[in-house]
């Protein structure tokens, strides 16, 4: 009777370990990587934001504040026009 109980205990421990490996350990790894990714994304966005603020301040010092607004506005309009022109691929006709 003790031998069967010991074998049953070992089998149940192995099953519990396998279930934990397939569920909890994977979820823990996924949650860790999601948290790290979010931190990196927020850090990258902050760095880009402060880089743009720095570039705008340097531009404002060099050519004046009003001209800097005009230059940044022109750049944004050109980027928007470029993105708008790439909205539909050239080889595909529009559905209108």
C-alpha atoms as a PDB file:
ATOM      1  CA  UNK A   1       0.000   0.000   0.000  1.00  0.00           C
ATOM      2  CA  UNK A   2       2.889   2.334   0.765  1.00  0.00           C
ATOM      3  CA  UNK A   3       4.474   1.641  -2.617  1.00  0.00           C
ATOM      4  CA  UNK A   4       1.299   2.581  -4.493  1.00  0.00           C
ATOM      5  CA  UNK A   5       0.906   5.759  -2.423  1.00  0.00           C
ATOM      6  CA  UNK A   6       4.512   6.752  -3.091  1.00  0.00           C
ATOM      7  CA  UNK A   7       4.144   6.136  -6.832  1.00  0.00           C
ATOM      8  CA  UNK A   8       0.855   8.063  -6.870  1.00  0.00           C
ATOM      9  CA  UNK A   9       2.487  10.973  -5.011  1.00  0.00           C
ATOM     10  CA  UNK A  10       5.380  11.088  -7.506  1.00  0.00           C
ATOM     11  CA  UNK A  11       3.028  10.967 -10.491  1.00  0.00           C
ATOM     12  CA  UNK A  12       0.827  13.733  -9.061  1.00  0.00           C
ATOM     13  CA  UNK A  13       3.877  15.904  -8.368  1.00  0.00           C
ATOM     14  CA  UNK A  14       5.104  15.381 -11.930  1.00  0.00           C
ATOM     15  CA  UNK A  15       1.674  16.260 -13.349  1.00  0.00           C
ATOM     16  CA  UNK A  16       1.461  19.396 -11.173  1.00  0.00           C
ATOM     17  CA  UNK A  17       4.975  20.436 -12.209  1.00  0.00           C
ATOM     18  CA  UNK A  18       4.158  19.942 -15.898  1.00  0.00           C
ATOM     19  CA  UNK A  19       0.925  21.947 -15.599  1.00  0.00           C
ATOM     20  CA  UNK A  20       2.790  24.750 -13.816  1.00  0.00           C
ATOM     21  CA  UNK A  21       5.465  24.764 -16.541  1.00  0.00           C
ATOM     22  CA  UNK A  22       2.810  25.005 -19.253  1.00  0.00           C
ATOM     23  CA  UNK A  23       0.719  27.710 -17.620  1.00  0.00           C
ATOM     24  CA  UNK A  24       2.166  29.750 -14.771  1.00  0.00           C
ATOM     25  CA  UNK A  25       5.778  29.822 -15.943  1.00  0.00           C
ATOM     26  CA  UNK A  26       4.786  30.855 -19.489  1.00  0.00           C
ATOM     27  CA  UNK A  27       2.402  33.500 -18.198  1.00  0.00           C
ATOM     28  CA  UNK A  28       5.078  34.820 -15.852  1.00  0.00           C
ATOM     29  CA  UNK A  29       7.564  35.079 -18.709  1.00  0.00           C
ATOM     30  CA  UNK A  30       5.007  36.774 -20.972  1.00  0.00           C
ATOM     31  CA  UNK A  31       4.028  39.302 -18.297  1.00  0.00           C
ATOM     32  CA  UNK A  32       7.682  40.085 -17.612  1.00  0.00           C
ATOM     33  CA  UNK A  33       8.397  40.744 -21.307  1.00  0.00           C
ATOM     34  CA  UNK A  34       5.237  42.841 -21.679  1.00  0.00           C
ATOM     35  CA  UNK A  35       6.290  45.000 -18.716  1.00  0.00           C
ATOM     36  CA  UNK A  36       9.827  45.407 -20.069  1.00  0.00           C
ATOM     37  CA  UNK A  37       8.451  46.279 -23.519  1.00  0.00           C
ATOM     38  CA  UNK A  38       6.115  48.917 -22.105  1.00  0.00           C
ATOM     39  CA  UNK A  39       8.931  50.506 -20.134  1.00  0.00           C
ATOM     40  CA  UNK A  40      11.156  50.580 -23.229  1.00  0.00           C
ATOM     41  CA  UNK A  41       8.375  52.037 -25.408  1.00  0.00           C
ATOM     42  CA  UNK A  42       7.592  54.789 -22.900  1.00  0.00           C
ATOM     43  CA  UNK A  43      11.303  55.556 -22.518  1.00  0.00           C
ATOM     44  CA  UNK A  44      11.777  55.728 -26.291  1.00  0.00           C
ATOM     45  CA  UNK A  45       8.755  58.023 -26.704  1.00  0.00           C
ATOM     46  CA  UNK A  46      10.049  60.315 -23.966  1.00  0.00           C
ATOM     47  CA  UNK A  47      13.486  60.415 -25.606  1.00  0.00           C
ATOM     48  CA  UNK A  48      11.970  61.279 -28.998  1.00  0.00           C
ATOM     49  CA  UNK A  49       9.784  63.960 -27.420  1.00  0.00           C
ATOM     50  CA  UNK A  50      12.701  65.623 -25.629  1.00  0.00           C
ATOM     51  CA  UNK A  51      14.866  65.333 -28.740  1.00  0.00           C
ATOM     52  CA  UNK A  52      12.192  67.161 -30.742  1.00  0.00           C
ATOM     53  CA  UNK A  53      11.878  69.829 -28.042  1.00  0.00           C
ATOM     54  CA  UNK A  54      15.653  70.292 -28.082  1.00  0.00           C
ATOM     55  CA  UNK A  55      15.797  70.521 -31.869  1.00  0.00           C
ATOM     56  CA  UNK A  56      12.957  73.062 -31.869  1.00  0.00           C
ATOM     57  CA  UNK A  57      14.692  75.182 -29.229  1.00  0.00           C
ATOM     58  CA  UNK A  58      17.961  75.128 -31.149  1.00  0.00           C
ATOM     59  CA  UNK A  59      16.099  76.012 -34.336  1.00  0.00           C
ATOM     60  CA  UNK A  60      14.272  78.815 -32.522  1.00  0.00           C
ATOM     61  CA  UNK A  61      17.568  80.214 -31.266  1.00  0.00           C
ATOM     62  CA  UNK A  62      19.201  80.082 -34.688  1.00  0.00           C
ATOM     63  CA  UNK A  63      16.424  81.446 -36.899  1.00  0.00           C
ATOM     64  CA  UNK A  64      13.897  82.944 -34.497  1.00  0.00           C
ATOM     65  CA  UNK A  65      10.826  81.550 -32.809  1.00  0.00           C
ATOM     66  CA  UNK A  66       8.255  82.495 -35.467  1.00  0.00           C
ATOM     67  CA  UNK A  67      10.374  81.155 -38.323  1.00  0.00           C
ATOM     68  CA  UNK A  68      10.982  77.956 -36.360  1.00  0.00           C
ATOM     69  CA  UNK A  69       7.205  77.428 -36.063  1.00  0.00           C
ATOM     70  CA  UNK A  70       6.885  77.996 -39.823  1.00  0.00           C
ATOM     71  CA  UNK A  71       9.686  75.535 -40.625  1.00  0.00           C
ATOM     72  CA  UNK A  72       8.292  72.856 -38.309  1.00  0.00           C
ATOM     73  CA  UNK A  73       4.806  73.398 -39.749  1.00  0.00           C
ATOM     74  CA  UNK A  74       6.154  73.081 -43.290  1.00  0.00           C
ATOM     75  CA  UNK A  75       7.978  69.868 -42.417  1.00  0.00           C
ATOM     76  CA  UNK A  76       4.817  68.417 -40.852  1.00  0.00           C
ATOM     77  CA  UNK A  77       2.735  69.404 -43.898  1.00  0.00           C
ATOM     78  CA  UNK A  78       5.266  67.778 -46.243  1.00  0.00           C
ATOM     79  CA  UNK A  79       5.354  64.593 -44.153  1.00  0.00           C
ATOM     80  CA  UNK A  80       1.549  64.523 -44.079  1.00  0.00           C
ATOM     81  CA  UNK A  81       1.347  65.018 -47.857  1.00  0.00           C
ATOM     82  CA  UNK A  82       3.854  62.213 -48.404  1.00  0.00           C
ATOM     83  CA  UNK A  83       1.983  59.824 -46.102  1.00  0.00           C
ATOM     84  CA  UNK A  84      -1.333  60.796 -47.728  1.00  0.00           C
ATOM     85  CA  UNK A  85       0.075  60.055 -51.187  1.00  0.00           C
ATOM     86  CA  UNK A  86       1.199  56.586 -50.009  1.00  0.00           C
ATOM     87  CA  UNK A  87      -2.267  55.793 -48.663  1.00  0.00           C
ATOM     88  CA  UNK A  88      -3.114  53.479 -51.571  1.00  0.00           C
ATOM     89  CA  UNK A  89      -0.520  51.347 -53.343  1.00  0.00           C
ATOM     90  CA  UNK A  90       0.200  52.464 -56.918  1.00  0.00           C
ATOM     91  CA  UNK A  91      -0.554  49.066 -58.473  1.00  0.00           C
ATOM     92  CA  UNK A  92      -4.010  48.851 -56.884  1.00  0.00           C
ATOM     93  CA  UNK A  93      -6.950  50.877 -58.151  1.00  0.00           C
ATOM     94  CA  UNK A  94      -9.222  52.589 -55.656  1.00  0.00           C
ATOM     95  CA  UNK A  95     -12.626  51.069 -54.959  1.00  0.00           C
ATOM     96  CA  UNK A  96     -14.570  54.285 -55.663  1.00  0.00           C
END
